C-alpha atoms as a PDB file:
ATOM      1  CA  MET A   1     -55.066 113.642 151.114  1.00  0.00           C
ATOM      2  CA  THR A   2     -52.007 111.676 152.193  1.00  0.00           C
ATOM      3  CA  PRO A   3     -49.667 109.792 149.839  1.00  0.00           C
ATOM      4  CA  ALA A   4     -51.303 106.553 150.998  1.00  0.00           C
ATOM      5  CA  HIS A   5     -54.627 107.748 149.585  1.00  0.00           C
ATOM      6  CA  ARG A   6     -53.358 108.790 146.173  1.00  0.00           C
ATOM      7  CA  ASP A   7     -55.114 107.404 143.104  1.00  0.00           C
ATOM      8  CA  ARG A   8     -52.646 104.689 142.121  1.00  0.00           C
ATOM      9  CA  THR A   9     -54.023 104.656 138.564  1.00  0.00           C
ATOM     10  CA  GLN A  10     -52.274 108.020 138.091  1.00  0.00           C
ATOM     11  CA  PRO A  11     -48.513 108.404 137.554  1.00  0.00           C
ATOM     12  CA  GLY A  12     -46.626 108.939 140.810  1.00  0.00           C
ATOM     13  CA  ALA A  13     -43.943 111.446 141.704  1.00  0.00           C
ATOM     14  CA  LEU A  14     -40.883 111.782 143.901  1.00  0.00           C
ATOM     15  CA  GLY A  15     -40.615 115.336 145.196  1.00  0.00           C
ATOM     16  CA  LEU A  16     -37.360 117.295 145.315  1.00  0.00           C
ATOM     17  CA  VAL A  17     -37.285 120.812 146.730  1.00  0.00           C
ATOM     18  CA  LEU A  18     -34.054 122.799 146.320  1.00  0.00           C
ATOM     19  CA  ALA A  19     -33.564 125.833 148.534  1.00  0.00           C
ATOM     20  CA  ARG A  20     -31.103 127.680 146.334  1.00  0.00           C
ATOM     21  CA  SER A  21     -30.806 130.303 143.638  1.00  0.00           C
ATOM     22  CA  THR A  22     -32.464 129.398 140.353  1.00  0.00           C
ATOM     23  CA  ARG A  23     -29.537 131.127 138.647  1.00  0.00           C
ATOM     24  CA  LEU A  24     -27.089 128.732 140.314  1.00  0.00           C
ATOM     25  CA  LEU A  25     -29.193 125.743 139.296  1.00  0.00           C
ATOM     26  CA  GLY A  26     -28.801 126.815 135.694  1.00  0.00           C
ATOM     27  CA  VAL A  27     -24.986 126.693 135.746  1.00  0.00           C
ATOM     28  CA  GLU A  28     -24.170 123.920 138.236  1.00  0.00           C
ATOM     29  CA  PRO A  29     -24.367 120.482 136.547  1.00  0.00           C
ATOM     30  CA  PHE A  30     -24.678 118.430 139.748  1.00  0.00           C
ATOM     31  CA  PHE A  31     -28.422 118.489 140.286  1.00  0.00           C
ATOM     32  CA  MET A  32     -29.310 117.994 136.640  1.00  0.00           C
ATOM     33  CA  GLU A  33     -27.218 114.799 136.608  1.00  0.00           C
ATOM     34  CA  PHE A  34     -28.682 113.770 139.964  1.00  0.00           C
ATOM     35  CA  ILE A  35     -32.249 114.233 138.730  1.00  0.00           C
ATOM     36  CA  ALA A  36     -31.462 112.332 135.521  1.00  0.00           C
ATOM     37  CA  GLY A  37     -30.378 109.350 137.625  1.00  0.00           C
ATOM     38  CA  MET A  38     -33.555 109.491 139.678  1.00  0.00           C
ATOM     39  CA  GLU A  39     -35.697 109.718 136.547  1.00  0.00           C
ATOM     40  CA  GLU A  40     -33.949 106.717 134.986  1.00  0.00           C
ATOM     41  CA  ARG A  41     -35.059 104.512 137.889  1.00  0.00           C
ATOM     42  CA  LEU A  42     -38.482 106.081 138.381  1.00  0.00           C
ATOM     43  CA  VAL A  43     -39.556 105.766 134.748  1.00  0.00           C
ATOM     44  CA  THR A  44     -39.695 101.991 135.186  1.00  0.00           C
ATOM     45  CA  ARG A  45     -42.623 102.642 137.551  1.00  0.00           C
ATOM     46  CA  ASP A  46     -44.265 105.359 135.422  1.00  0.00           C
ATOM     47  CA  MET A  47     -43.093 107.930 137.972  1.00  0.00           C
ATOM     48  CA  SER A  48     -41.149 111.169 137.653  1.00  0.00           C
ATOM     49  CA  VAL A  49     -39.390 113.822 139.733  1.00  0.00           C
ATOM     50  CA  LEU A  50     -41.435 116.824 140.795  1.00  0.00           C
ATOM     51  CA  LEU A  51     -38.844 119.599 141.164  1.00  0.00           C
ATOM     52  CA  HIS A  52     -39.475 122.848 143.019  1.00  0.00           C
ATOM     53  CA  VAL A  53     -36.830 125.551 143.557  1.00  0.00           C
ATOM     54  CA  VAL A  54     -37.281 128.036 146.408  1.00  0.00           C
ATOM     55  CA  PRO A  55     -34.981 130.626 148.018  1.00  0.00           C
ATOM     56  CA  THR A  56     -35.195 129.512 151.681  1.00  0.00           C
ATOM     57  CA  TYR A  57     -35.613 126.444 153.873  1.00  0.00           C
ATOM     58  CA  GLU A  58     -38.812 127.974 155.282  1.00  0.00           C
ATOM     59  CA  GLU A  59     -40.340 127.997 151.814  1.00  0.00           C
ATOM     60  CA  GLU A  60     -39.113 124.449 151.294  1.00  0.00           C
ATOM     61  CA  VAL A  61     -41.081 123.367 154.387  1.00  0.00           C
ATOM     62  CA  ALA A  62     -44.123 125.263 153.081  1.00  0.00           C
ATOM     63  CA  ALA A  63     -43.857 123.313 149.820  1.00  0.00           C
ATOM     64  CA  TYR A  64     -43.856 120.017 151.743  1.00  0.00           C
ATOM     65  CA  ARG A  65     -47.029 121.084 153.538  1.00  0.00           C
ATOM     66  CA  ARG A  66     -48.754 121.888 150.245  1.00  0.00           C
ATOM     67  CA  TRP A  67     -47.657 118.610 148.704  1.00  0.00           C
ATOM     68  CA  ALA A  68     -48.826 116.590 151.696  1.00  0.00           C
ATOM     69  CA  GLU A  69     -52.200 118.341 151.791  1.00  0.00           C
ATOM     70  CA  GLY A  70     -52.769 117.865 148.073  1.00  0.00           C
ATOM     71  CA  GLY A  71     -51.309 114.343 147.844  1.00  0.00           C
ATOM     72  CA  LEU A  72     -49.097 115.567 145.021  1.00  0.00           C
ATOM     73  CA  VAL A  73     -46.108 113.300 145.677  1.00  0.00           C
ATOM     74  CA  ASP A  74     -45.570 109.764 146.944  1.00  0.00           C
ATOM     75  CA  ALA A  75     -42.346 110.655 148.764  1.00  0.00           C
ATOM     76  CA  VAL A  76     -39.655 113.326 148.907  1.00  0.00           C
ATOM     77  CA  ALA A  77     -35.858 113.319 148.786  1.00  0.00           C
ATOM     78  CA  VAL A  78     -34.348 115.756 151.301  1.00  0.00           C
ATOM     79  CA  VAL A  79     -30.951 117.140 150.285  1.00  0.00           C
ATOM     80  CA  ASN A  80     -28.409 119.622 151.672  1.00  0.00           C
ATOM     81  CA  LEU A  81     -28.862 118.571 155.286  1.00  0.00           C
ATOM     82  CA  VAL A  82     -27.897 121.177 157.886  1.00  0.00           C
ATOM     83  CA  GLU A  83     -27.135 121.478 161.588  1.00  0.00           C
ATOM     84  CA  ASP A  84     -30.319 121.018 163.703  1.00  0.00           C
ATOM     85  CA  ASP A  85     -32.250 120.410 160.490  1.00  0.00           C
ATOM     86  CA  PRO A  86     -35.984 120.921 161.126  1.00  0.00           C
ATOM     87  CA  ARG A  87     -37.160 119.172 157.971  1.00  0.00           C
ATOM     88  CA  PRO A  88     -37.152 115.516 159.135  1.00  0.00           C
ATOM     89  CA  ALA A  89     -39.444 116.338 162.072  1.00  0.00           C
ATOM     90  CA  VAL A  90     -41.814 118.291 159.823  1.00  0.00           C
ATOM     91  CA  LEU A  91     -42.023 115.434 157.353  1.00  0.00           C
ATOM     92  CA  ARG A  92     -42.772 112.920 160.112  1.00  0.00           C
ATOM     93  CA  GLU A  93     -45.521 115.239 161.376  1.00  0.00           C
ATOM     94  CA  LEU A  94     -47.000 115.475 157.885  1.00  0.00           C
ATOM     95  CA  GLY A  95     -46.807 111.714 157.337  1.00  0.00           C
ATOM     96  CA  LEU A  96     -44.958 112.367 154.083  1.00  0.00           C
ATOM     97  CA  PRO A  97     -42.521 109.531 153.247  1.00  0.00           C
ATOM     98  CA  ALA A  98     -38.992 110.912 152.970  1.00  0.00           C
ATOM     99  CA  VAL A  99     -35.449 109.825 152.220  1.00  0.00           C
ATOM    100  CA  LEU A 100     -32.570 111.810 153.739  1.00  0.00           C
ATOM    101  CA  VAL A 101     -29.742 112.326 151.261  1.00  0.00           C
ATOM    102  CA  GLY A 102     -26.182 113.106 152.297  1.00  0.00           C
ATOM    103  CA  THR A 103     -24.219 113.474 155.508  1.00  0.00           C
ATOM    104  CA  TRP A 104     -26.171 112.797 158.698  1.00  0.00           C
ATOM    105  CA  ARG A 105     -24.206 112.536 161.934  1.00  0.00           C
ATOM    106  CA  ASP A 106     -26.473 110.292 163.986  1.00  0.00           C
ATOM    107  CA  ALA A 107     -28.449 107.188 163.145  1.00  0.00           C
ATOM    108  CA  PRO A 108     -31.328 108.627 161.104  1.00  0.00           C
ATOM    109  CA  ASP A 109     -34.910 107.781 162.021  1.00  0.00           C
ATOM    110  CA  LEU A 110     -35.878 108.150 158.374  1.00  0.00           C
ATOM    111  CA  PRO A 111     -34.535 106.135 155.430  1.00  0.00           C
ATOM    112  CA  ALA A 112     -31.212 107.576 154.312  1.00  0.00           C
ATOM    113  CA  VAL A 113     -28.723 107.507 151.474  1.00  0.00           C
ATOM    114  CA  ARG A 114     -25.483 108.594 153.089  1.00  0.00           C
ATOM    115  CA  THR A 115     -22.370 110.131 151.542  1.00  0.00           C
ATOM    116  CA  ASP A 116     -18.748 109.668 152.580  1.00  0.00           C
ATOM    117  CA  ASP A 117     -17.455 113.225 152.524  1.00  0.00           C
ATOM    118  CA  GLY A 118     -14.414 112.735 154.726  1.00  0.00           C
ATOM    119  CA  GLY A 119     -12.623 109.867 152.983  1.00  0.00           C
ATOM    120  CA  PRO A 120     -12.162 111.597 149.602  1.00  0.00           C
ATOM    121  CA  VAL A 121     -10.841 114.768 151.258  1.00  0.00           C
ATOM    122  CA  ARG A 122      -8.281 112.764 153.215  1.00  0.00           C
ATOM    123  CA  ASP A 123      -7.241 111.064 149.974  1.00  0.00           C
ATOM    124  CA  ALA A 124      -6.846 114.401 148.178  1.00  0.00           C
ATOM    125  CA  VAL A 125      -4.798 115.903 151.019  1.00  0.00           C
ATOM    126  CA  ALA A 126      -2.525 112.839 151.201  1.00  0.00           C
ATOM    127  CA  ARG A 127      -1.848 113.005 147.454  1.00  0.00           C
ATOM    128  CA  LEU A 128      -1.049 116.713 147.587  1.00  0.00           C
ATOM    129  CA  ALA A 129       1.196 116.287 150.634  1.00  0.00           C
ATOM    130  CA  ASP A 130       3.086 113.508 148.840  1.00  0.00           C
ATOM    131  CA  LEU A 131       3.659 115.995 145.997  1.00  0.00           C
ATOM    132  CA  GLY A 132       5.329 118.359 148.444  1.00  0.00           C
ATOM    133  CA  HIS A 133       2.531 120.867 149.023  1.00  0.00           C
ATOM    134  CA  ARG A 134       2.838 122.465 152.477  1.00  0.00           C
ATOM    135  CA  VAL A 135      -0.102 124.892 152.410  1.00  0.00           C
ATOM    136  CA  ILE A 136      -3.344 123.296 151.194  1.00  0.00           C
ATOM    137  CA  ALA A 137      -6.440 125.484 150.918  1.00  0.00           C
ATOM    138  CA  ARG A 138     -10.055 124.722 150.185  1.00  0.00           C
ATOM    139  CA  VAL A 139     -12.803 126.898 148.779  1.00  0.00           C
ATOM    140  CA  ALA A 140     -15.706 125.272 150.588  1.00  0.00           C
ATOM    141  CA  GLY A 141     -19.459 125.297 150.225  1.00  0.00           C
ATOM    142  CA  PRO A 142     -21.724 126.997 152.766  1.00  0.00           C
ATOM    143  CA  ARG A 143     -20.606 126.258 156.323  1.00  0.00           C
ATOM    144  CA  SER A 144     -24.145 125.388 157.491  1.00  0.00           C
ATOM    145  CA  LEU A 145     -24.221 122.231 155.353  1.00  0.00           C
ATOM    146  CA  LEU A 146     -23.294 119.035 157.173  1.00  0.00           C
ATOM    147  CA  HIS A 147     -21.323 117.705 154.223  1.00  0.00           C
ATOM    148  CA  THR A 148     -19.260 120.918 154.177  1.00  0.00           C
ATOM    149  CA  GLN A 149     -18.537 120.480 157.879  1.00  0.00           C
ATOM    150  CA  ALA A 150     -17.547 116.847 157.378  1.00  0.00           C
ATOM    151  CA  ARG A 151     -15.123 117.790 154.620  1.00  0.00           C
ATOM    152  CA  THR A 152     -13.608 120.544 156.757  1.00  0.00           C
ATOM    153  CA  VAL A 153     -13.034 118.231 159.716  1.00  0.00           C
ATOM    154  CA  ALA A 154     -11.432 115.662 157.403  1.00  0.00           C
ATOM    155  CA  GLN A 155      -9.185 118.283 155.806  1.00  0.00           C
ATOM    156  CA  GLU A 156      -7.976 119.648 159.137  1.00  0.00           C
ATOM    157  CA  GLU A 157      -7.285 116.160 160.482  1.00  0.00           C
ATOM    158  CA  ALA A 158      -5.490 115.029 157.316  1.00  0.00           C
ATOM    159  CA  CYS A 159      -3.374 118.184 157.117  1.00  0.00           C
ATOM    160  CA  LYS A 160      -2.412 117.877 160.768  1.00  0.00           C
ATOM    161  CA  GLN A 161      -1.409 114.250 160.241  1.00  0.00           C
ATOM    162  CA  ALA A 162       0.655 115.181 157.176  1.00  0.00           C
ATOM    163  CA  GLY A 163       2.257 118.131 158.921  1.00  0.00           C
ATOM    164  CA  VAL A 164       0.975 120.734 156.469  1.00  0.00           C
ATOM    165  CA  GLU A 165      -1.016 123.942 156.876  1.00  0.00           C
ATOM    166  CA  SER A 166      -4.775 123.839 156.247  1.00  0.00           C
ATOM    167  CA  VAL A 167      -6.760 126.874 155.080  1.00  0.00           C
ATOM    168  CA  VAL A 168     -10.551 126.824 154.600  1.00  0.00           C
ATOM    169  CA  ILE A 169     -12.551 129.707 153.180  1.00  0.00           C
ATOM    170  CA  ASP A 170     -16.334 129.651 152.741  1.00  0.00           C
ATOM    171  CA  GLY A 171     -17.871 129.940 149.284  1.00  0.00           C
ATOM    172  CA  ASP A 172     -21.409 129.529 147.944  1.00  0.00           C
ATOM    173  CA  TYR A 173     -20.869 127.273 144.874  1.00  0.00           C
ATOM    174  CA  THR A 174     -21.040 130.199 142.430  1.00  0.00           C
ATOM    175  CA  ALA A 175     -18.399 131.151 139.882  1.00  0.00           C
ATOM    176  CA  GLU A 176     -18.242 134.603 141.460  1.00  0.00           C
ATOM    177  CA  SER A 177     -17.267 133.211 144.852  1.00  0.00           C
ATOM    178  CA  GLY A 178     -14.796 130.803 143.270  1.00  0.00           C
ATOM    179  CA  ALA A 179     -13.024 133.648 141.480  1.00  0.00           C
ATOM    180  CA  ARG A 180     -13.086 136.096 144.388  1.00  0.00           C
ATOM    181  CA  LEU A 181     -11.941 133.623 147.034  1.00  0.00           C
ATOM    182  CA  THR A 182      -9.194 132.200 144.823  1.00  0.00           C
ATOM    183  CA  ALA A 183      -7.840 135.725 144.364  1.00  0.00           C
ATOM    184  CA  GLU A 184      -7.928 136.254 148.144  1.00  0.00           C
ATOM    185  CA  LEU A 185      -6.026 133.017 148.751  1.00  0.00           C
ATOM    186  CA  LEU A 186      -3.391 133.755 146.134  1.00  0.00           C
ATOM    187  CA  LYS A 187      -2.712 137.214 147.565  1.00  0.00           C
ATOM    188  CA  ARG A 188      -1.923 135.870 151.037  1.00  0.00           C
ATOM    189  CA  ASP A 189       1.623 136.254 152.335  1.00  0.00           C
ATOM    190  CA  SER A 190       1.784 132.485 152.802  1.00  0.00           C
ATOM    191  CA  ARG A 191      -0.166 131.591 149.687  1.00  0.00           C
ATOM    192  CA  PRO A 192      -1.303 128.006 149.133  1.00  0.00           C
ATOM    193  CA  THR A 193       0.307 125.942 146.411  1.00  0.00           C
ATOM    194  CA  ALA A 194      -2.760 123.677 146.205  1.00  0.00           C
ATOM    195  CA  ILE A 195      -6.477 124.471 146.365  1.00  0.00           C
ATOM    196  CA  LEU A 196      -9.451 122.097 146.606  1.00  0.00           C
ATOM    197  CA  TYR A 197     -12.913 123.285 145.571  1.00  0.00           C
ATOM    198  CA  ASP A 198     -16.238 121.924 146.807  1.00  0.00           C
ATOM    199  CA  ASN A 199     -17.772 121.988 143.318  1.00  0.00           C
ATOM    200  CA  ASP A 200     -16.770 122.231 139.697  1.00  0.00           C
ATOM    201  CA  VAL A 201     -18.140 125.728 139.005  1.00  0.00           C
ATOM    202  CA  MET A 202     -15.948 127.349 141.675  1.00  0.00           C
ATOM    203  CA  ALA A 203     -12.941 125.335 140.475  1.00  0.00           C
ATOM    204  CA  VAL A 204     -13.261 126.432 136.849  1.00  0.00           C
ATOM    205  CA  ALA A 205     -13.578 130.051 137.996  1.00  0.00           C
ATOM    206  CA  GLY A 206     -10.576 129.597 140.283  1.00  0.00           C
ATOM    207  CA  LEU A 207      -8.472 128.245 137.426  1.00  0.00           C
ATOM    208  CA  ALA A 208      -9.325 131.299 135.304  1.00  0.00           C
ATOM    209  CA  THR A 209      -8.460 133.640 138.178  1.00  0.00           C
ATOM    210  CA  ALA A 210      -5.087 131.970 138.729  1.00  0.00           C
ATOM    211  CA  LYS A 211      -4.279 132.518 135.042  1.00  0.00           C
ATOM    212  CA  GLU A 212      -5.252 136.178 135.316  1.00  0.00           C
ATOM    213  CA  LEU A 213      -2.814 136.512 138.217  1.00  0.00           C
ATOM    214  CA  GLY A 214      -0.018 135.004 136.131  1.00  0.00           C
ATOM    215  CA  LEU A 215       0.004 131.534 137.706  1.00  0.00           C
ATOM    216  CA  GLU A 216      -0.052 128.351 135.654  1.00  0.00           C
ATOM    217  CA  ALA A 217      -1.448 124.996 136.752  1.00  0.00           C
ATOM    218  CA  PRO A 218       0.178 122.726 137.684  1.00  0.00           C
ATOM    219  CA  ALA A 219       3.616 124.399 137.574  1.00  0.00           C
ATOM    220  CA  ASP A 220       2.735 127.155 140.058  1.00  0.00           C
ATOM    221  CA  LEU A 221      -0.475 125.878 141.607  1.00  0.00           C
ATOM    222  CA  SER A 222      -2.351 122.567 141.891  1.00  0.00           C
ATOM    223  CA  LEU A 223      -6.148 122.593 141.744  1.00  0.00           C
ATOM    224  CA  ILE A 224      -8.687 119.852 142.484  1.00  0.00           C
ATOM    225  CA  ALA A 225     -12.433 120.129 141.852  1.00  0.00           C
ATOM    226  CA  TRP A 226     -15.164 118.174 143.619  1.00  0.00           C
ATOM    227  CA  ASP A 227     -17.751 116.379 141.473  1.00  0.00           C
ATOM    228  CA  ASP A 228     -16.924 116.128 137.805  1.00  0.00           C
ATOM    229  CA  SER A 229     -18.613 117.418 134.705  1.00  0.00           C
ATOM    230  CA  ALA A 230     -17.954 118.587 131.177  1.00  0.00           C
ATOM    231  CA  LEU A 231     -16.858 121.897 132.731  1.00  0.00           C
ATOM    232  CA  CYS A 232     -13.864 120.164 134.313  1.00  0.00           C
ATOM    233  CA  ARG A 233     -12.969 118.104 131.272  1.00  0.00           C
ATOM    234  CA  LEU A 234     -13.178 121.060 128.877  1.00  0.00           C
ATOM    235  CA  ALA A 235     -11.161 123.445 131.044  1.00  0.00           C
ATOM    236  CA  SER A 236      -7.627 124.289 129.896  1.00  0.00           C
ATOM    237  CA  PRO A 237      -5.817 122.427 131.294  1.00  0.00           C
ATOM    238  CA  PRO A 238      -8.491 119.851 132.229  1.00  0.00           C
ATOM    239  CA  LEU A 239      -9.184 119.910 135.970  1.00  0.00           C
ATOM    240  CA  THR A 240      -8.135 117.110 138.277  1.00  0.00           C
ATOM    241  CA  THR A 241     -11.209 116.049 140.251  1.00  0.00           C
ATOM    242  CA  MET A 242     -12.621 114.052 143.090  1.00  0.00           C
ATOM    243  CA  THR A 243     -15.093 112.423 140.720  1.00  0.00           C
ATOM    244  CA  VAL A 244     -18.549 111.346 141.875  1.00  0.00           C
ATOM    245  CA  ASP A 245     -20.972 109.173 139.901  1.00  0.00           C
ATOM    246  CA  VAL A 246     -23.757 111.729 140.343  1.00  0.00           C
ATOM    247  CA  HIS A 247     -26.095 109.882 137.961  1.00  0.00           C
ATOM    248  CA  GLY A 248     -25.609 106.674 139.969  1.00  0.00           C
ATOM    249  CA  PHE A 249     -26.231 108.644 143.157  1.00  0.00           C
ATOM    250  CA  GLY A 250     -29.646 109.666 141.816  1.00  0.00           C
ATOM    251  CA  VAL A 251     -30.466 106.050 140.931  1.00  0.00           C
ATOM    252  CA  VAL A 252     -29.670 104.911 144.487  1.00  0.00           C
ATOM    253  CA  VAL A 253     -31.879 107.642 145.987  1.00  0.00           C
ATOM    254  CA  ALA A 254     -34.789 106.683 143.726  1.00  0.00           C
ATOM    255  CA  GLU A 255     -34.421 103.016 144.707  1.00  0.00           C
ATOM    256  CA  ALA A 256     -34.551 103.913 148.393  1.00  0.00           C
ATOM    257  CA  ALA A 257     -37.648 106.048 147.800  1.00  0.00           C
ATOM    258  CA  LEU A 258     -39.412 103.251 145.913  1.00  0.00           C
ATOM    259  CA  ASP A 259     -38.740 100.810 148.744  1.00  0.00           C
ATOM    260  CA  HIS A 260     -40.196 103.321 151.191  1.00  0.00           C
ATOM    261  CA  ILE A 261     -43.263 103.960 149.010  1.00  0.00           C
ATOM    262  CA  ASP A 262     -43.876 100.213 148.647  1.00  0.00           C
ATOM    263  CA  GLY A 263     -43.661  99.659 152.390  1.00  0.00           C
ATOM    264  CA  ARG A 264     -40.552  97.490 152.166  1.00  0.00           C
ATOM    265  CA  PRO A 265     -37.814  97.805 154.793  1.00  0.00           C
ATOM    266  CA  VAL A 266     -35.409 100.483 153.611  1.00  0.00           C
ATOM    267  CA  THR A 267     -31.839  99.450 154.278  1.00  0.00           C
ATOM    268  CA  GLU A 268     -29.282 102.202 154.721  1.00  0.00           C
ATOM    269  CA  ARG A 269     -27.646 102.949 151.399  1.00  0.00           C
ATOM    270  CA  TRP A 270     -24.501 104.827 150.459  1.00  0.00           C
ATOM    271  CA  SER A 271     -23.900 107.075 147.487  1.00  0.00           C
ATOM    272  CA  PRO A 272     -21.034 106.201 145.127  1.00  0.00           C
ATOM    273  CA  THR A 273     -17.805 107.355 146.766  1.00  0.00           C
ATOM    274  CA  ALA A 274     -15.826 110.178 145.196  1.00  0.00           C
ATOM    275  CA  HIS A 275     -12.477 109.058 143.786  1.00  0.00           C
ATOM    276  CA  PHE A 276      -9.394 110.888 142.566  1.00  0.00           C
ATOM    277  CA  VAL A 277      -9.021 111.410 138.801  1.00  0.00           C
ATOM    278  CA  GLN A 278      -5.697 112.903 137.720  1.00  0.00           C
ATOM    279  CA  ARG A 279      -5.868 115.412 134.906  1.00  0.00           C
ATOM    280  CA  GLY A 280      -3.863 118.511 134.085  1.00  0.00           C
ATOM    281  CA  THR A 281      -4.042 120.673 137.202  1.00  0.00           C
ATOM    282  CA  THR A 282      -2.095 118.749 139.833  1.00  0.00           C
ATOM    283  CA  GLY A 283       1.635 118.272 140.096  1.00  0.00           C
ATOM    284  CA  PRO A 284       4.617 118.694 142.424  1.00  0.00           C
ATOM    285  CA  ALA A 285       4.708 121.788 144.601  1.00  0.00           C
ATOM    286  CA  PRO A 286       6.760 124.596 143.079  1.00  0.00           C
ATOM    287  CA  ALA A 287      10.344 124.767 144.346  1.00  0.00           C
END
């Protein structure tokens, strides 16, 4: 049964498969806010999000095959796009309507909601360079992700333009990696005076690690988190962030999916752009 043959008297669903640790999903606010935005738009059509969490991309593809065979969803949102991503081709083969979500280098042949990952990084680097920081590090997400790669390219270009040193170290979005990698960075001979983090969980852990090592933000070290959540606002001091309207992002993705399901032309959409929000963890570089 294909989505086109579903019983339209029954409530529909937009599928979302996350290839990640279920433990991480429980502590990282991003996807819960993202799903809430999708649900807000879908409920107007008596639809909902069908969420499935699996450990690997191979099992994600297997889930798509089951959904297509059983006609369980009307469309899927494909997130965390990677180099040579096999999923778009599989979805075309299955005839399962899909929306690509995030960074995609070429013109996509499926409907897409793109993200600007480079612009916010360049903004953050420029602000830190203006504050006198000469070694700017980043605790990144997994290197395989296209949005991680886009942020890294932007950081290296912006640091080169500003005449400052760029350091990138790969994390996995967990608090454990945020703490461990922050400690590694702060024990370097040429330690950074500013660190960007690719999510809020790693940033909060990094802030705690800096305190344990006797460094205070922002006097000794400036920190910037990506995304924004209660975690950042409740930290002490509150974390400066590149803030993203994650809820609005989910709404935009749901709108693109509904257009696709209804057979309307799906214009390329963009997620809300991350913007700098000054809080208590950024300041001039230490003398």
